[in-house]
């Protein structure tokens, strides 16, 4: 099994995440929830993208859907910003 990519919010771009998911890799984003570090697991199976948060499993049927989720939740940095 291919090792998952691990990152903190803002370390990757949406392109980085989508490219990894499309190539069969999982991406784990470490987020803080009420003072405790938790993992958001991102993966793709078939034509469906999954965003498994500590509280909810979101599914997205399109690449644009997962991109919107990643950006709105602050999991990725904006294209062109270098931190």
Protein backbone atom coordinates (compact mmCIF):
# COMPACT_ATOMS: atom_id res chain seq x y z
CA UNK A 1 0.00 0.00 0.00
CA UNK A 2 1.25 3.47 -0.86
CA UNK A 3 1.99 5.66 2.15
CA UNK A 4 -0.39 8.55 2.78
CA UNK A 5 0.74 12.14 2.39
CA UNK A 6 0.61 13.97 5.73
CA UNK A 7 0.28 17.74 5.98
CA UNK A 8 -1.01 20.61 8.06
CA UNK A 9 -3.61 23.08 6.74
CA UNK A 10 -2.09 25.39 4.14
CA UNK A 11 0.99 23.29 3.39
CA UNK A 12 -0.43 21.93 0.11
CA UNK A 13 -2.37 23.48 -2.74
CA UNK A 14 -5.65 22.07 -4.04
CA UNK A 15 -3.73 20.89 -7.13
CA UNK A 16 -1.29 18.98 -4.89
CA UNK A 17 -4.14 17.24 -3.06
CA UNK A 18 -6.23 16.45 -6.14
CA UNK A 19 -3.18 15.13 -8.01
CA UNK A 20 -2.36 12.84 -5.07
CA UNK A 21 -5.96 11.62 -4.78
CA UNK A 22 -6.22 11.01 -8.52
CA UNK A 23 -3.03 8.92 -8.40
CA UNK A 24 -4.48 6.69 -5.68
CA UNK A 25 -2.83 8.23 -2.62
CA UNK A 26 -4.57 9.30 0.56
CA UNK A 27 -3.92 12.70 2.11
CA UNK A 28 -4.11 13.22 5.86
CA UNK A 29 -4.48 16.79 7.08
CA UNK A 30 -3.82 17.35 10.80
CA UNK A 31 -6.27 19.90 12.22
CA UNK A 32 -6.96 21.20 15.71
CA UNK A 33 -10.44 20.54 17.09
CA UNK A 34 -11.21 21.96 20.52
CA UNK A 35 -7.53 21.95 21.47
CA UNK A 36 -6.86 18.40 20.25
CA UNK A 37 -5.11 17.39 17.03
CA UNK A 38 -7.29 15.27 14.73
CA UNK A 39 -6.88 13.92 11.21
CA UNK A 40 -8.96 14.72 8.16
CA UNK A 41 -8.60 11.80 5.74
CA UNK A 42 -8.99 12.57 2.04
CA UNK A 43 -9.25 9.80 -0.55
CA UNK A 44 -10.78 8.88 -3.86
CA UNK A 45 -12.54 5.66 -4.78
CA UNK A 46 -13.83 5.35 -8.32
CA UNK A 47 -15.43 8.65 -9.26
CA UNK A 48 -16.12 9.76 -5.67
CA UNK A 49 -13.88 11.94 -3.51
CA UNK A 50 -14.15 11.43 0.26
CA UNK A 51 -13.39 14.00 2.97
CA UNK A 52 -13.58 12.20 6.31
CA UNK A 53 -13.46 14.79 9.13
CA UNK A 54 -13.55 14.09 12.89
CA UNK A 55 -17.31 14.76 12.83
CA UNK A 56 -18.62 14.04 9.32
CA UNK A 57 -17.89 12.09 6.14
CA UNK A 58 -18.37 14.36 3.11
CA UNK A 59 -18.53 12.94 -0.40
CA UNK A 60 -18.01 14.84 -3.62
CA UNK A 61 -18.88 13.55 -7.08
CA UNK A 62 -16.69 16.03 -8.95
CA UNK A 63 -13.18 17.43 -8.78
CA UNK A 64 -14.62 20.92 -8.45
CA UNK A 65 -16.64 19.72 -5.45
CA UNK A 66 -13.60 18.45 -3.56
CA UNK A 67 -11.66 21.61 -4.47
CA UNK A 68 -14.46 23.78 -3.05
CA UNK A 69 -14.45 21.70 0.14
CA UNK A 70 -10.66 21.90 0.54
CA UNK A 71 -10.63 25.66 0.02
CA UNK A 72 -13.69 26.51 2.13
CA UNK A 73 -12.43 24.44 5.08
CA UNK A 74 -8.96 26.00 4.89
CA UNK A 75 -7.17 22.70 4.30
CA UNK A 76 -5.17 24.05 1.33
CA UNK A 77 -3.34 27.25 0.53
CA UNK A 78 -4.36 29.49 -2.33
CA UNK A 79 -2.62 28.91 -5.64
CA UNK A 80 0.24 31.38 -5.94
CA UNK A 81 0.70 32.02 -2.22
CA UNK A 82 4.02 30.86 -0.82
CA UNK A 83 4.15 30.62 2.97
